[in-house]
Protein backbone atom coordinates (compact mmCIF):
# COMPACT_ATOMS: atom_id res chain seq x y z
CA MET A 1 -43.78 -100.83 61.92
CA LEU A 2 -41.82 -100.35 64.64
CA THR A 3 -38.13 -99.49 64.72
CA LYS A 4 -35.07 -100.88 65.00
CA SER A 5 -34.90 -97.39 67.51
CA ASP A 6 -38.93 -98.37 68.59
CA LYS A 7 -38.28 -101.96 69.84
CA GLN A 8 -35.50 -101.10 71.58
CA VAL A 9 -37.35 -98.06 73.14
CA ILE A 10 -39.80 -100.95 74.52
CA LYS A 11 -37.22 -103.73 76.27
CA LEU A 12 -36.10 -100.83 78.51
CA ARG A 13 -39.19 -99.83 79.04
CA ASN A 14 -40.05 -102.87 79.75
CA ALA A 15 -36.86 -103.76 81.85
CA MET A 16 -37.25 -101.07 83.20
CA GLN A 17 -40.48 -102.13 84.60
CA GLU A 18 -39.12 -105.88 85.41
CA TYR A 19 -36.88 -104.01 87.87
CA GLU A 20 -38.88 -101.97 89.26
CA ASN A 21 -41.01 -104.45 90.52
CA ASP A 22 -37.91 -106.90 91.63
CA ARG A 23 -36.95 -103.45 94.07
CA TRP A 24 -40.18 -103.85 95.49
CA ARG A 25 -40.24 -107.34 96.41
CA ILE A 26 -36.29 -107.49 97.54
CA ILE A 27 -37.72 -104.25 99.46
CA SER A 28 -40.91 -106.53 101.41
CA SER A 29 -38.75 -109.45 102.34
CA LYS A 30 -35.95 -107.10 104.18
CA VAL A 31 -39.33 -104.80 105.87
CA GLY A 32 -40.28 -108.79 106.98
CA SER A 33 -44.19 -110.78 106.56
CA GLY A 34 -46.75 -108.14 106.73
CA PHE A 35 -45.65 -105.91 103.69
CA SER A 36 -46.34 -107.34 100.62
CA PRO A 37 -44.21 -105.04 97.29
CA THR A 38 -47.28 -103.07 96.53
CA ALA A 39 -47.78 -101.52 100.16
CA CYS A 40 -44.00 -101.37 100.60
CA ARG A 41 -44.17 -98.94 98.07
CA ASP A 42 -46.76 -96.82 98.80
CA LYS A 43 -45.96 -96.50 101.98
CA ALA A 44 -42.03 -95.15 100.04
CA GLN A 45 -43.81 -92.56 98.41
CA GLU A 46 -45.84 -91.24 101.23
CA ILE A 47 -43.35 -91.08 103.72
CA VAL A 48 -41.30 -88.76 100.26
CA ALA A 49 -44.21 -86.60 100.23
CA VAL A 50 -44.53 -85.77 103.81
CA GLU A 51 -40.34 -85.31 103.45
CA ALA A 52 -40.76 -83.19 101.27
CA GLU A 53 -43.80 -80.95 102.95
CA GLY A 54 -41.02 -80.46 105.47
CA GLU A 55 -38.64 -79.75 103.45
CA GLU A 56 -40.70 -76.90 101.55
CA GLU A 57 -41.72 -75.76 104.92
CA GLU A 58 -37.82 -74.77 105.55
CA GLU A 59 -37.37 -73.64 102.39
CA GLN A 60 -40.55 -70.98 103.02
CA SER A 61 -39.99 -70.23 106.16
CA GLY A 62 -36.42 -69.56 105.36
CA TYR A 63 -35.34 -71.65 108.94
CA THR A 64 -34.84 -75.21 109.62
CA PRO A 65 -36.17 -76.61 113.14
CA ALA A 66 -33.05 -76.39 114.66
CA GLN A 67 -32.41 -73.02 113.99
CA MET A 68 -35.53 -71.72 115.65
CA GLY A 69 -35.06 -73.16 118.83
CA PRO A 70 -37.26 -74.88 121.32
CA GLY A 71 -40.85 -73.87 120.90
CA SER A 72 -43.91 -74.72 123.74
CA SER A 73 -45.03 -78.09 122.36
CA ASP A 74 -41.01 -78.29 122.42
CA PRO A 75 -40.56 -80.53 125.32
CA ALA A 76 -36.89 -79.11 126.67
CA ALA A 77 -38.45 -76.24 126.13
CA PHE A 78 -39.34 -76.21 129.88
CA HIS A 79 -36.11 -77.74 131.36
């Protein structure tokens, strides 16, 4: 038998899932047609992963791209 606390945890989890679903539905409506809530969520996760990789590389090198200056692949380096 579930305790009152267990029932509250279940309600909380259900509410969190409903919020998550509503959140992506609202975001997709702001992005525009052709982008489903699921597509928006997946793309957002991809963006976060790419940004996290970039931050990890910066931490490992100890320098940000701006601190390193222009490189040979930087078009500004040739001006």
